[in-house]
Amino acid sequence: MSVMSYQIGPWETFERMDKKYPFLNKFDGLIISGKEKLVKPFVAKYNLAISRFNLIPEETVIIDDKKENIETVNKLRFLTIHLTNPEIITQEINRFI
């Protein structure tokens, strides 16, 4: 299973977040919207992730709270979790493990 994260917003906002939230350093890699100048749900953002991290969409889980983003990644054949209730995220992830 591959791990990646997306952050909407300016790069400057995210730049120091890893110090406040150390778990961000545990990701294999990050694509930051503001830094890449890409906006969801554009397919280009997900294609960048596929190429940069050598992802196999059918083996990669995308978690997002926005239905339009889930619809976009479904078209690219990613596995998806539409996060509508954060309290059950562990249960949702376990479906793919």
Protein backbone atom coordinates (compact mmCIF):
# COMPACT_ATOMS: atom_id res chain seq x y z
CA MET A 1 0.00 0.00 0.00
CA SER A 2 1.36 3.43 -0.94
CA VAL A 3 1.12 6.51 1.23
CA MET A 4 0.74 10.09 0.09
CA SER A 5 -0.80 13.27 1.38
CA TYR A 6 -2.40 16.31 -0.20
CA GLN A 7 -2.68 19.69 1.42
CA ILE A 8 -4.76 22.46 -0.07
CA GLY A 9 -3.42 25.92 0.49
CA PRO A 10 -0.30 27.96 0.11
CA TRP A 11 3.08 26.28 0.41
CA GLU A 12 4.12 28.79 3.04
CA THR A 13 1.32 27.56 5.32
CA PHE A 14 2.37 23.93 5.00
CA GLU A 15 6.11 24.50 5.05
CA ARG A 16 6.43 24.41 8.84
CA MET A 17 3.63 21.95 9.56
CA ASP A 18 5.96 18.97 9.89
CA LYS A 19 7.37 20.46 13.07
CA LYS A 20 3.92 20.92 14.58
CA TYR A 21 2.66 17.57 13.27
CA PRO A 22 5.61 15.12 13.25
CA PHE A 23 3.51 12.31 11.72
CA LEU A 24 3.84 14.13 8.39
CA ASN A 25 7.47 13.00 8.28
CA LYS A 26 6.31 9.38 8.16
CA PHE A 27 4.86 9.65 4.65
CA ASP A 28 6.83 8.15 1.77
CA GLY A 29 6.32 11.44 -0.03
CA LEU A 30 4.10 14.48 -0.20
CA ILE A 31 2.48 16.47 -2.95
CA ILE A 32 1.57 19.92 -1.68
CA SER A 33 -1.02 21.68 -3.83
CA GLY A 34 0.37 25.15 -3.26
CA LYS A 35 3.93 24.12 -4.06
CA GLU A 36 2.98 22.19 -7.22
CA LYS A 37 0.42 24.79 -8.30
CA LEU A 38 -2.16 22.06 -8.86
CA VAL A 39 -5.74 22.04 -7.63
CA LYS A 40 -8.09 19.14 -6.90
CA PRO A 41 -9.95 17.44 -8.45
CA PHE A 42 -7.80 17.95 -11.56
CA VAL A 43 -6.53 14.69 -12.99
CA ALA A 44 -3.04 16.25 -13.46
CA LYS A 45 -2.46 16.16 -9.72
CA TYR A 46 -3.14 12.46 -9.48
CA ASN A 47 -1.13 11.72 -12.62
CA LEU A 48 1.79 13.55 -10.99
CA ALA A 49 1.45 11.31 -7.94
CA ILE A 50 1.35 8.20 -10.13
CA SER A 51 4.53 9.15 -11.95
CA ARG A 52 6.47 10.65 -9.01
CA PHE A 53 5.84 7.75 -6.64
CA ASN A 54 5.49 4.95 -9.21
CA LEU A 55 2.00 4.25 -7.93
CA ILE A 56 -0.24 1.48 -9.16
CA PRO A 57 -3.72 3.02 -8.79
CA GLU A 58 -5.38 -0.35 -8.20
CA GLU A 59 -3.07 -0.82 -5.19
CA THR A 60 -3.22 2.74 -3.83
CA VAL A 61 -5.84 4.06 -1.41
CA ILE A 62 -6.91 7.70 -1.65
CA ILE A 63 -8.77 9.17 1.33
CA ASP A 64 -10.73 12.35 0.80
CA ASP A 65 -13.73 14.07 2.31
CA LYS A 66 -14.91 15.64 -0.95
CA LYS A 67 -17.11 13.54 -3.17
CA GLU A 68 -15.89 15.22 -6.39
CA ASN A 69 -12.29 14.25 -5.57
CA ILE A 70 -13.33 10.65 -4.91
CA GLU A 71 -15.16 10.57 -8.25
CA THR A 72 -12.05 11.83 -10.04
CA VAL A 73 -9.71 9.25 -8.53
CA ASN A 74 -12.24 6.47 -9.09
CA LYS A 75 -11.97 7.22 -12.82
CA LEU A 76 -8.22 6.65 -12.52
CA ARG A 77 -8.90 3.27 -10.82
CA PHE A 78 -7.55 4.21 -7.37
CA LEU A 79 -9.02 2.51 -4.32
CA THR A 80 -10.93 5.13 -2.36
CA ILE A 81 -12.29 6.00 1.04
CA HIS A 82 -14.83 8.80 1.10
CA LEU A 83 -14.15 10.15 4.56
CA THR A 84 -17.51 11.25 5.91
CA ASN A 85 -16.87 10.15 9.49
CA PRO A 86 -13.29 10.46 10.81
CA GLU A 87 -14.12 8.23 13.77
CA ILE A 88 -14.30 5.15 11.51
CA ILE A 89 -11.14 5.81 9.45
CA THR A 90 -9.31 2.84 10.97
CA GLN A 91 -12.19 0.54 10.08
CA GLU A 92 -12.25 1.95 6.54
CA ILE A 93 -8.49 1.51 6.06
CA ASN A 94 -8.67 -2.05 7.38
CA ARG A 95 -10.94 -2.93 4.43
CA PHE A 96 -7.86 -2.65 2.21
CA ILE A 97 -5.27 -4.35 4.41
